[in-house]
Every structure is written in structure tokens, then in C-alpha cells.
Amino acid sequence: MADVIEELKNEQASDVFLKDNGGICFNSQVIQQAQRDLGIELVKKAGKSIFKGKGIMRMSLPPRVNVFDTRSQLETVSSDHFSFGNLIKAANQQGEERKDSCLRYYFDILLETVMHQLKPFNPLMGETFSDSFMLQFENISYTIIVEAEQIMNHPPTSLYNIKVNSESEHLFTLNGCASLDASLLMNHSDVKRTGLNRVVFAKNQPQVFEFEQPVLRVYGLFYGQRWCHFMGKSNIAFYMNNCKVSCAYIRDEEKKVVVGESVELTFAKSESAFKSATKDHVYGLLGKQKINGSVMGEIFKDQILIWNNQKAQQSIQSQNTTPCFSDCRNRPDIIQFKLGNDEDADKHKNILEERQRADRKLRGCE
């Protein structure tokens, strides 16, 4: 897998940001060619349905170098949130300063999800991911404790609970749900990640920061330049106290005591399914303040720059906790793939997926 890592390093270090229409452009020819070769096999296998925008999450693909990640989907959706620098700053702030740091974190993780080009292994019902990590940020050590579980297969849905502590105190907890789906339409794909994420700070106000993620559209799957941008709408919100305001059955009198504010962010939309004449743009109102800018460039709050695509440096290292039996890192297909045994990885992957299909049929889920 060394060639994949090196390609990604070279690519992320290069000038990948488009200057004319926004979005992010991928330059790795090695990865793109490997994925396009597999894409041709996918077309042959799926037939005409692949061009009608149908979901592709149920399709089983053989693990290939430069196509597959060495992690499962459960591990990737958890670690996508690990750009914690701005949330760590927010933990010791309050009011408008905390809101600004939370907004920076939000755009940090959006950019983080864009940089992934490799496909994670499909999830298995009931698999888990649990580990602790040491994070170094601005010469201070922090501990990240992750507990995650795959609760649904179609659509693949993960729950995760992430706690971040300093050496002396608990800073915040992130509870989240990620339900993933992807569809192909001609030469592009829409990747949808639905589910609410909720950050609860240990002290100061606003205590709660909630957010959703927009749809990511990726162009150039089979030909042309590979690039992507976000589209559609998503919501972020701040609440003074840790109350379950998202419950559908909350009573009217309880709503009156909820103090907070929210913003609906609107991301760029494609003008046509056959053209990439889109601007990488996001806008919305937080109170009376205008959020405006580019996810791949700069974000402004009114006329003040609050975020750009240059993330703060941080170092994260696993503490190598012994995984339990159900941990996704114990999967034989992933283990064999890490060892470079693609054929054995494919055999184990097929066995696991057939076992899961049989279980779903037995429970009447098909």
C-alpha cells in the first residue's frame, strides 16, 4: 500500500484547488486509472441500471490496490471527525468565539472527507470499532476515546461516541450517526451522508453544537478531470444547554425554554447532470450574520475571514488497545488485504457478505 500513500501525499501537497469554478481537483493518475478500470467492470456487471442514478452501496466489488482503503467504513466515518484542533480551542471559549471555532471545525471535517479517494470495506452488521488515540496539538497532549458500532447494513449506518480529554479534564463528547448512500449517474456520483452529529462541551456556553453534512458530488469517474464539490442543504445549530431539542415529540412548553440559534447552509448545485458548470459556494445566515464563501477556499462571517483551507498541524497516534472479537480490524478480508493478498481478501470478503445476506434473509429483511 506504500504507493497509494505516496500518491496521496504528493497529491495533497500539490495545487489541487480549481481556480475557475471552485471545487477540488484530484491529480493522482495511478488511483484514478485503477478506479476507472474497476468502474468498467462495474458497468459490465450492473448494466443499464448504473446510468439511472440507482444506489451502488449494495454492489460487491473485489478489493484492489489503489481502489480500496485498508479500513472498514465504520473506522473511516469515525476518524473523519479527528481534525479536533478547533474544537479543542472551542472547549476553552464561550459565546461568539466558541461559535466561530465550531464553524471552523465544521469546514475542517468537510475538507477532510473530500481528501479520501479510496473506498473503505463495506460494513458488517454488529461490527465495532473501539480504540484510544493520543493527539498532539500545539505541543499539548490530548486523549481521544472512540466507541462505534455498525447498526444497519442497508443503508449502511454507523453510530459513534467520541470523547476528548486533556491531561486534567474532560473537554467534550461527540455523538454521531452516519448513514451512507451513493448513486451513479453517467460520469458522476453523489455521496450522501445523512445523520445528526452533536458536540456537548463540558463547560461554558453554548454547550451544544449540532451539525449535518451536505451531499458530495464527484465528477470524472470514467473520463475527464476528477473533481468534486458539495451541494444541497445542511443545518448547523447552537444550544445553550444540553437538551434533546431534535426529539419529534418535544412538547410546546419545552420548546419555549430552548435557547439557541441555527443556520441552514446552502451549497452549490449543478446546473445540469451533463455539465460541471457549478460554483463551489456556500451561504447562510447565523442570526443576522452572513456566512459566505468556498469550502475549498475561504469562509467569511459577514466580512471577516473565519476559515481557510490551511488546517492546523496535529499528530494522532493509536494507543494500540487490544480490539474485541467484533472489532472491524479483526476482519479476515481486511487483514489479508493489508498483507497484499488480494485474492484471499476477496474470498473472505465474499464469505462474510454471503453470510450477512443469509442472515438478512433469515430475519425477513430482504
Protein backbone atom coordinates (compact mmCIF):
# COMPACT_ATOMS: atom_id res chain seq x y z
CA MET A 1 0.00 0.00 0.00
CA ALA A 2 3.04 2.28 0.06
CA ASP A 3 2.39 3.50 -3.48
CA VAL A 4 -1.13 4.61 -2.53
CA ILE A 5 0.06 6.56 0.50
CA GLU A 6 2.80 8.23 -1.50
CA GLU A 7 0.38 9.22 -4.27
CA LEU A 8 -1.99 10.77 -1.74
CA LYS A 9 0.83 12.68 -0.07
CA ASN A 10 2.03 14.06 -3.39
CA GLU A 11 -1.49 14.92 -4.43
CA GLN A 12 -2.43 16.73 -1.23
CA ALA A 13 0.80 18.71 -1.39
CA SER A 14 0.12 19.87 -4.93
CA ASP A 15 -2.10 22.70 -6.14
CA VAL A 16 -5.39 20.82 -6.26
CA PHE A 17 -7.83 23.71 -5.94
CA LEU A 18 -9.54 24.72 -9.15
CA LYS A 19 -9.32 28.43 -9.94
CA ASP A 20 -12.22 28.87 -12.33
CA ASN A 21 -15.23 27.11 -10.85
CA GLY A 22 -14.14 26.09 -7.39
CA GLY A 23 -14.19 22.53 -6.09
CA ILE A 24 -11.18 20.32 -5.58
CA CYS A 25 -9.30 18.61 -8.38
CA PHE A 26 -7.54 15.25 -7.91
CA ASN A 27 -4.27 14.74 -9.75
CA SER A 28 -3.36 11.14 -8.88
CA GLN A 29 -3.33 9.28 -12.20
CA VAL A 30 -2.44 5.98 -10.51
CA ILE A 31 -5.51 5.98 -8.28
CA GLN A 32 -7.84 7.31 -10.96
CA GLN A 33 -6.81 4.69 -13.51
CA ALA A 34 -7.21 1.84 -11.02
CA GLN A 35 -10.67 3.08 -10.05
CA ARG A 36 -11.72 3.57 -13.67
CA ASP A 37 -10.62 0.06 -14.58
CA LEU A 38 -12.77 -1.29 -11.78
CA GLY A 39 -15.55 1.09 -12.84
CA ILE A 40 -15.63 -0.53 -16.28
CA GLU A 41 -16.08 -3.91 -14.59
CA LEU A 42 -18.88 -2.35 -12.54
CA VAL A 43 -20.64 -1.15 -15.69
CA LYS A 44 -20.45 -4.61 -17.21
CA LYS A 45 -21.83 -6.13 -14.03
CA ALA A 46 -24.60 -3.62 -13.35
CA GLY A 47 -25.71 -2.98 -16.91
CA LYS A 48 -28.00 -0.09 -17.73
CA SER A 49 -29.11 0.48 -14.14
CA ILE A 50 -25.80 2.13 -13.31
CA PHE A 51 -26.65 5.11 -15.54
CA LYS A 52 -30.08 5.66 -13.98
CA GLY A 53 -28.87 7.07 -10.68
CA LYS A 54 -29.51 3.89 -8.70
CA GLY A 55 -27.73 3.20 -5.44
CA ILE A 56 -24.44 1.33 -5.62
CA MET A 57 -23.91 0.64 -1.90
CA ARG A 58 -25.27 -2.91 -2.28
CA MET A 59 -22.84 -3.84 -5.02
CA SER A 60 -19.94 -6.06 -4.04
CA LEU A 61 -16.58 -5.07 -5.51
CA PRO A 62 -13.35 -7.07 -5.43
CA PRO A 63 -10.68 -5.40 -3.23
CA ARG A 64 -7.99 -3.83 -5.40
CA VAL A 65 -4.86 -1.84 -4.62
CA ASN A 66 -5.29 1.88 -5.34
CA VAL A 67 -9.07 1.42 -5.07
CA PHE A 68 -9.75 0.09 -1.57
CA ASP A 69 -8.76 1.58 1.78
CA THR A 70 -7.26 -0.73 4.41
CA ARG A 71 -10.07 0.20 6.81
CA SER A 72 -13.75 -0.57 7.10
CA GLN A 73 -16.44 2.05 6.66
CA LEU A 74 -17.05 2.10 10.42
CA GLU A 75 -13.46 3.13 11.09
CA THR A 76 -13.40 5.82 8.40
CA VAL A 77 -16.64 7.55 9.43
CA SER A 78 -15.32 7.75 13.00
CA SER A 79 -11.85 9.01 12.14
CA ASP A 80 -13.23 11.59 9.67
CA HIS A 81 -14.01 13.74 12.73
CA PHE A 82 -10.48 13.69 14.15
CA SER A 83 -9.49 17.21 13.00
CA PHE A 84 -10.14 18.33 16.56
CA GLY A 85 -7.88 21.39 16.75
CA ASN A 86 -10.66 23.97 16.51
CA LEU A 87 -12.99 22.05 18.86
CA ILE A 88 -10.20 21.90 21.43
CA LYS A 89 -9.92 25.67 21.18
CA ALA A 90 -13.70 25.96 21.44
CA ALA A 91 -13.71 23.93 24.67
CA ASN A 92 -11.99 26.82 26.47
CA GLN A 93 -14.00 29.56 24.77
CA GLN A 94 -17.58 30.75 25.01
CA GLY A 95 -20.10 32.88 23.18
CA GLU A 96 -19.20 34.12 19.70
CA GLU A 97 -15.62 32.84 19.95
CA ARG A 98 -16.88 29.30 20.57
CA LYS A 99 -19.32 29.54 17.66
CA ASP A 100 -16.56 30.68 15.30
CA SER A 101 -14.27 27.80 16.37
CA CYS A 102 -17.13 25.31 15.89
CA LEU A 103 -17.74 26.68 12.39
CA ARG A 104 -14.04 26.24 11.60
CA TYR A 105 -14.21 22.64 12.81
CA TYR A 106 -17.26 22.01 10.63
CA PHE A 107 -15.45 23.12 7.47
CA ASP A 108 -12.29 21.28 8.58
CA ILE A 109 -14.09 17.95 8.53
CA LEU A 110 -15.88 18.70 5.26
CA LEU A 111 -12.50 19.22 3.65
CA GLU A 112 -11.20 16.06 5.35
CA THR A 113 -13.92 13.91 3.77
CA VAL A 114 -13.09 15.30 0.32
CA MET A 115 -9.47 14.18 0.52
CA HIS A 116 -10.42 10.49 0.75
CA GLN A 117 -10.19 8.77 -2.62
CA LEU A 118 -10.01 5.15 -1.51
CA LYS A 119 -13.12 3.06 -0.89
CA PRO A 120 -13.49 1.57 2.60
CA PHE A 121 -14.59 -2.04 3.03
CA ASN A 122 -18.35 -2.50 3.16
CA PRO A 123 -19.67 -2.68 6.74
CA LEU A 124 -20.94 -5.77 8.52
CA MET A 125 -23.89 -5.68 10.90
CA GLY A 126 -22.77 -5.70 14.52
CA GLU A 127 -19.09 -5.00 13.91
CA THR A 128 -17.48 -2.50 16.26
CA PHE A 129 -14.55 -0.12 16.45
CA SER A 130 -13.07 0.85 19.81
CA ASP A 131 -9.72 2.48 20.47
CA SER A 132 -7.97 5.35 22.22
CA PHE A 133 -5.64 7.81 20.50
CA MET A 134 -3.06 10.32 21.63
CA LEU A 135 -3.45 13.69 19.91
CA GLN A 136 -0.67 16.28 19.89
CA PHE A 137 -1.91 19.80 19.18
CA GLU A 138 0.12 22.97 19.79
CA ASN A 139 2.59 20.95 21.93
CA ILE A 140 -0.15 19.70 24.28
CA SER A 141 -1.35 16.09 24.57
CA TYR A 142 -5.00 15.08 24.45
CA THR A 143 -6.74 11.70 24.59
CA ILE A 144 -9.40 10.60 22.08
CA ILE A 145 -11.60 7.66 23.10
CA VAL A 146 -13.73 6.14 20.33
CA GLU A 147 -16.59 3.64 20.61
CA ALA A 148 -18.50 2.86 17.42
CA GLU A 149 -20.88 0.19 16.12
CA GLN A 150 -22.47 -0.71 12.80
CA ILE A 151 -26.22 -0.88 13.43
CA MET A 152 -27.63 -1.23 9.91
CA ASN A 153 -26.46 -2.62 6.59
CA HIS A 154 -28.89 -1.07 4.04
CA PRO A 155 -28.33 1.80 4.14
CA PRO A 156 -25.00 1.33 5.95
CA THR A 157 -25.45 3.17 9.25
CA SER A 158 -22.87 3.75 11.97
CA LEU A 159 -23.16 5.15 15.49
CA TYR A 160 -20.12 6.62 17.20
CA ASN A 161 -19.30 8.17 20.55
CA ILE A 162 -16.04 10.13 20.73
CA LYS A 163 -14.67 11.66 23.96
CA VAL A 164 -11.79 14.13 24.04
CA ASN A 165 -9.90 14.81 27.27
CA SER A 166 -6.91 16.90 28.23
CA GLU A 167 -4.47 15.64 30.87
CA SER A 168 -6.53 17.31 33.59
CA GLU A 169 -10.18 17.39 32.44
CA HIS A 170 -12.86 16.23 30.04
CA LEU A 171 -13.33 18.72 27.18
CA PHE A 172 -16.24 17.48 25.06
CA THR A 173 -18.10 14.46 23.67
CA LEU A 174 -19.18 13.99 20.06
CA ASN A 175 -22.15 11.68 19.45
CA GLY A 176 -22.94 10.94 15.85
CA CYS A 177 -24.80 8.87 13.31
CA ALA A 178 -23.66 8.36 9.72
CA SER A 179 -25.93 6.72 7.17
CA LEU A 180 -24.21 6.49 3.78
CA ASP A 181 -25.53 6.09 0.28
CA ALA A 182 -24.03 6.66 -3.15
CA SER A 183 -25.53 6.71 -6.63
CA LEU A 184 -24.06 6.91 -10.11
CA LEU A 185 -25.43 8.99 -12.96
CA MET A 186 -23.40 8.96 -16.16
CA ASN A 187 -19.93 10.29 -15.28
CA HIS A 188 -20.54 11.49 -11.72
CA SER A 189 -21.53 10.13 -8.33
CA ASP A 190 -23.49 11.65 -5.44
CA VAL A 191 -22.31 10.58 -2.00
CA LYS A 192 -24.91 11.22 0.70
CA ARG A 193 -24.02 11.14 4.38
CA THR A 194 -27.13 11.68 6.49
CA GLY A 195 -27.40 11.72 10.28
CA LEU A 196 -27.02 14.23 13.10
CA ASN A 197 -23.76 14.97 14.91
CA ARG A 198 -23.88 16.51 18.38
CA VAL A 199 -20.94 18.04 20.29
CA VAL A 200 -21.54 18.54 24.03
CA PHE A 201 -18.95 20.71 25.80
CA ALA A 202 -18.11 20.10 29.46
CA LYS A 203 -18.19 23.80 30.39
CA ASN A 204 -19.13 27.27 29.12
CA GLN A 205 -21.88 28.19 26.65
CA PRO A 206 -23.26 27.48 24.14
CA GLN A 207 -22.97 23.95 25.46
CA VAL A 208 -24.19 22.09 22.37
CA PHE A 209 -23.12 22.29 18.73
CA GLU A 210 -25.08 20.19 16.20
CA PHE A 211 -24.39 19.72 12.50
CA GLU A 212 -25.26 17.74 9.39
CA GLN A 213 -23.24 17.15 6.23
CA PRO A 214 -24.16 18.08 2.64
CA VAL A 215 -24.08 15.84 -0.42
CA LEU A 216 -20.69 15.44 -2.12
CA ARG A 217 -20.78 15.25 -5.93
CA VAL A 218 -17.75 13.69 -7.64
CA TYR A 219 -17.19 14.19 -11.39
CA GLY A 220 -14.88 12.39 -13.79
CA LEU A 221 -15.47 8.83 -12.64
CA PHE A 222 -14.92 7.27 -16.08
CA TYR A 223 -13.34 10.05 -18.16
CA GLY A 224 -12.16 13.64 -17.91
CA GLN A 225 -10.81 15.53 -14.92
CA ARG A 226 -11.65 14.12 -11.47
CA TRP A 227 -13.02 16.83 -9.19
CA CYS A 228 -15.82 17.38 -6.68
CA HIS A 229 -17.88 19.89 -4.74
CA PHE A 230 -20.60 19.94 -2.07
CA MET A 231 -24.23 20.59 -2.97
CA GLY A 232 -27.67 20.84 -1.40
CA LYS A 233 -28.50 21.99 2.12
CA SER A 234 -27.41 21.14 5.65
CA ASN A 235 -28.10 22.54 9.10
CA ILE A 236 -25.91 23.59 12.00
CA ALA A 237 -27.18 24.78 15.38
CA PHE A 238 -26.01 26.03 18.78
CA TYR A 239 -27.89 25.48 22.06
CA MET A 240 -27.15 26.96 25.45
CA ASN A 241 -27.99 23.79 27.37
CA ASN A 242 -27.76 20.07 26.68
CA CYS A 243 -31.39 19.37 25.85
CA LYS A 244 -32.72 16.93 23.26
CA VAL A 245 -34.29 19.57 21.05
CA SER A 246 -34.33 17.31 17.99
CA CYS A 247 -36.92 14.94 19.51
CA ALA A 248 -40.07 14.85 17.38
CA TYR A 249 -42.31 14.60 20.44
CA ILE A 250 -40.98 17.54 22.44
CA ARG A 251 -43.86 19.49 23.97
CA ASP A 252 -44.57 23.11 23.06
CA GLU A 253 -43.88 24.34 26.59
CA GLU A 254 -40.49 22.64 26.49
CA LYS A 255 -39.64 24.30 23.17
CA LYS A 256 -40.06 27.71 24.80
CA VAL A 257 -37.17 27.09 27.20
CA VAL A 258 -34.76 26.04 24.46
CA VAL A 259 -32.29 28.86 23.88
CA GLY A 260 -30.21 28.71 20.74
CA GLU A 261 -29.88 29.57 17.10
CA SER A 262 -29.40 27.69 13.86
CA VAL A 263 -28.47 28.26 10.26
CA GLU A 264 -29.40 26.39 7.08
CA LEU A 265 -26.36 26.33 4.82
CA THR A 266 -26.93 26.13 1.07
CA PHE A 267 -24.19 24.59 -1.03
CA ALA A 268 -23.63 24.81 -4.78
CA LYS A 269 -25.92 22.91 -7.09
CA SER A 270 -25.07 21.58 -10.52
CA GLU A 271 -26.82 23.38 -13.38
CA SER A 272 -27.08 20.16 -15.37
CA ALA A 273 -26.43 16.47 -14.95
CA PHE A 274 -24.22 16.63 -18.04
CA LYS A 275 -22.19 19.79 -17.28
CA SER A 276 -19.85 20.78 -14.49
CA ALA A 277 -20.78 24.46 -14.64
CA THR A 278 -21.00 24.75 -10.85
CA LYS A 279 -19.51 27.17 -8.37
CA ASP A 280 -18.02 25.88 -5.11
CA HIS A 281 -20.06 28.19 -2.90
CA VAL A 282 -21.80 28.09 0.49
CA TYR A 283 -24.01 30.69 2.13
CA GLY A 284 -26.46 31.10 5.02
CA LEU A 285 -27.47 33.37 7.92
CA LEU A 286 -26.48 32.77 11.56
CA GLY A 287 -28.65 35.27 13.37
CA LYS A 288 -28.04 38.47 11.44
CA GLN A 289 -24.56 37.45 10.34
CA LYS A 290 -23.95 36.19 6.81
CA ILE A 291 -21.93 33.02 6.26
CA ASN A 292 -20.43 33.10 2.80
CA GLY A 293 -17.50 31.62 0.91
CA SER A 294 -15.98 28.45 -0.56
CA VAL A 295 -15.49 25.12 1.19
CA MET A 296 -12.27 24.62 -0.80
CA GLY A 297 -11.09 28.18 -0.28
CA GLU A 298 -12.16 30.72 2.37
CA ILE A 299 -15.24 31.20 4.58
CA PHE A 300 -16.38 34.63 5.79
CA LYS A 301 -18.75 35.63 8.58
CA ASP A 302 -20.03 38.97 7.37
CA GLN A 303 -16.79 40.47 6.01
CA ILE A 304 -14.46 38.76 8.50
CA LEU A 305 -12.40 35.75 7.40
CA ILE A 306 -13.01 32.89 9.86
CA TRP A 307 -11.68 29.85 7.95
CA ASN A 308 -9.43 28.85 5.08
CA ASN A 309 -8.27 25.51 3.70
CA GLN A 310 -4.95 25.55 5.59
CA LYS A 311 -5.58 23.24 8.54
CA ALA A 312 -3.58 23.42 11.76
CA GLN A 313 -1.00 20.68 12.18
CA GLN A 314 -1.81 17.87 14.58
CA SER A 315 -0.43 14.41 15.26
CA ILE A 316 -2.66 11.43 16.14
CA GLN A 317 -1.35 8.04 17.21
CA SER A 318 -3.31 4.93 18.20
CA GLN A 319 -2.67 3.56 21.68
CA ASN A 320 -2.93 0.03 20.22
CA THR A 321 -5.65 -1.14 22.57
CA THR A 322 -6.48 -4.81 22.12
CA PRO A 323 -9.60 -4.97 19.91
CA CYS A 324 -12.51 -7.14 20.97
CA PHE A 325 -13.71 -10.06 18.84
CA SER A 326 -16.26 -7.94 16.93
CA ASP A 327 -13.79 -5.15 16.09
CA CYS A 328 -13.66 -4.39 12.36
CA ARG A 329 -9.85 -4.63 12.41
CA ASN A 330 -10.21 -8.36 13.10
CA ARG A 331 -11.97 -8.98 9.78
CA PRO A 332 -10.02 -11.59 7.77
CA ASP A 333 -10.65 -9.81 4.45
CA ILE A 334 -9.11 -6.57 5.74
CA ILE A 335 -6.20 -8.43 7.35
CA GLN A 336 -5.39 -10.25 4.10
CA PHE A 337 -5.71 -7.06 2.07
CA LYS A 338 -3.23 -5.29 4.36
CA LEU A 339 -0.82 -8.18 3.75
CA GLY A 340 -1.18 -7.73 -0.01
CA ASN A 341 -3.12 -10.96 -0.55
CA ASP A 342 -5.86 -9.60 -2.80
CA GLU A 343 -7.28 -12.98 -3.85
CA ASP A 344 -7.57 -14.25 -0.27
CA ALA A 345 -9.07 -10.90 0.75
CA ASP A 346 -11.72 -11.25 -1.96
CA LYS A 347 -12.55 -14.81 -0.88
CA HIS A 348 -13.00 -13.82 2.76
CA LYS A 349 -14.96 -10.74 1.75
CA ASN A 350 -17.40 -12.83 -0.30
CA ILE A 351 -17.84 -15.33 2.56
CA LEU A 352 -18.63 -12.55 5.05
CA GLU A 353 -21.04 -10.80 2.72
CA GLU A 354 -22.86 -14.04 1.78
CA ARG A 355 -23.19 -14.88 5.47
CA GLN A 356 -24.70 -11.47 6.08
CA ARG A 357 -27.14 -11.83 3.16
CA ALA A 358 -28.24 -15.22 4.51
CA ASP A 359 -28.79 -13.70 7.93
CA ARG A 360 -30.86 -10.86 6.48
CA LYS A 361 -32.98 -13.34 4.53
CA LEU A 362 -33.50 -15.45 7.66
CA ARG A 363 -34.73 -12.37 9.54
CA GLY A 364 -37.02 -11.37 6.67
CA CYS A 365 -35.05 -8.23 5.79
CA GLU A 366 -34.73 -8.94 2.08
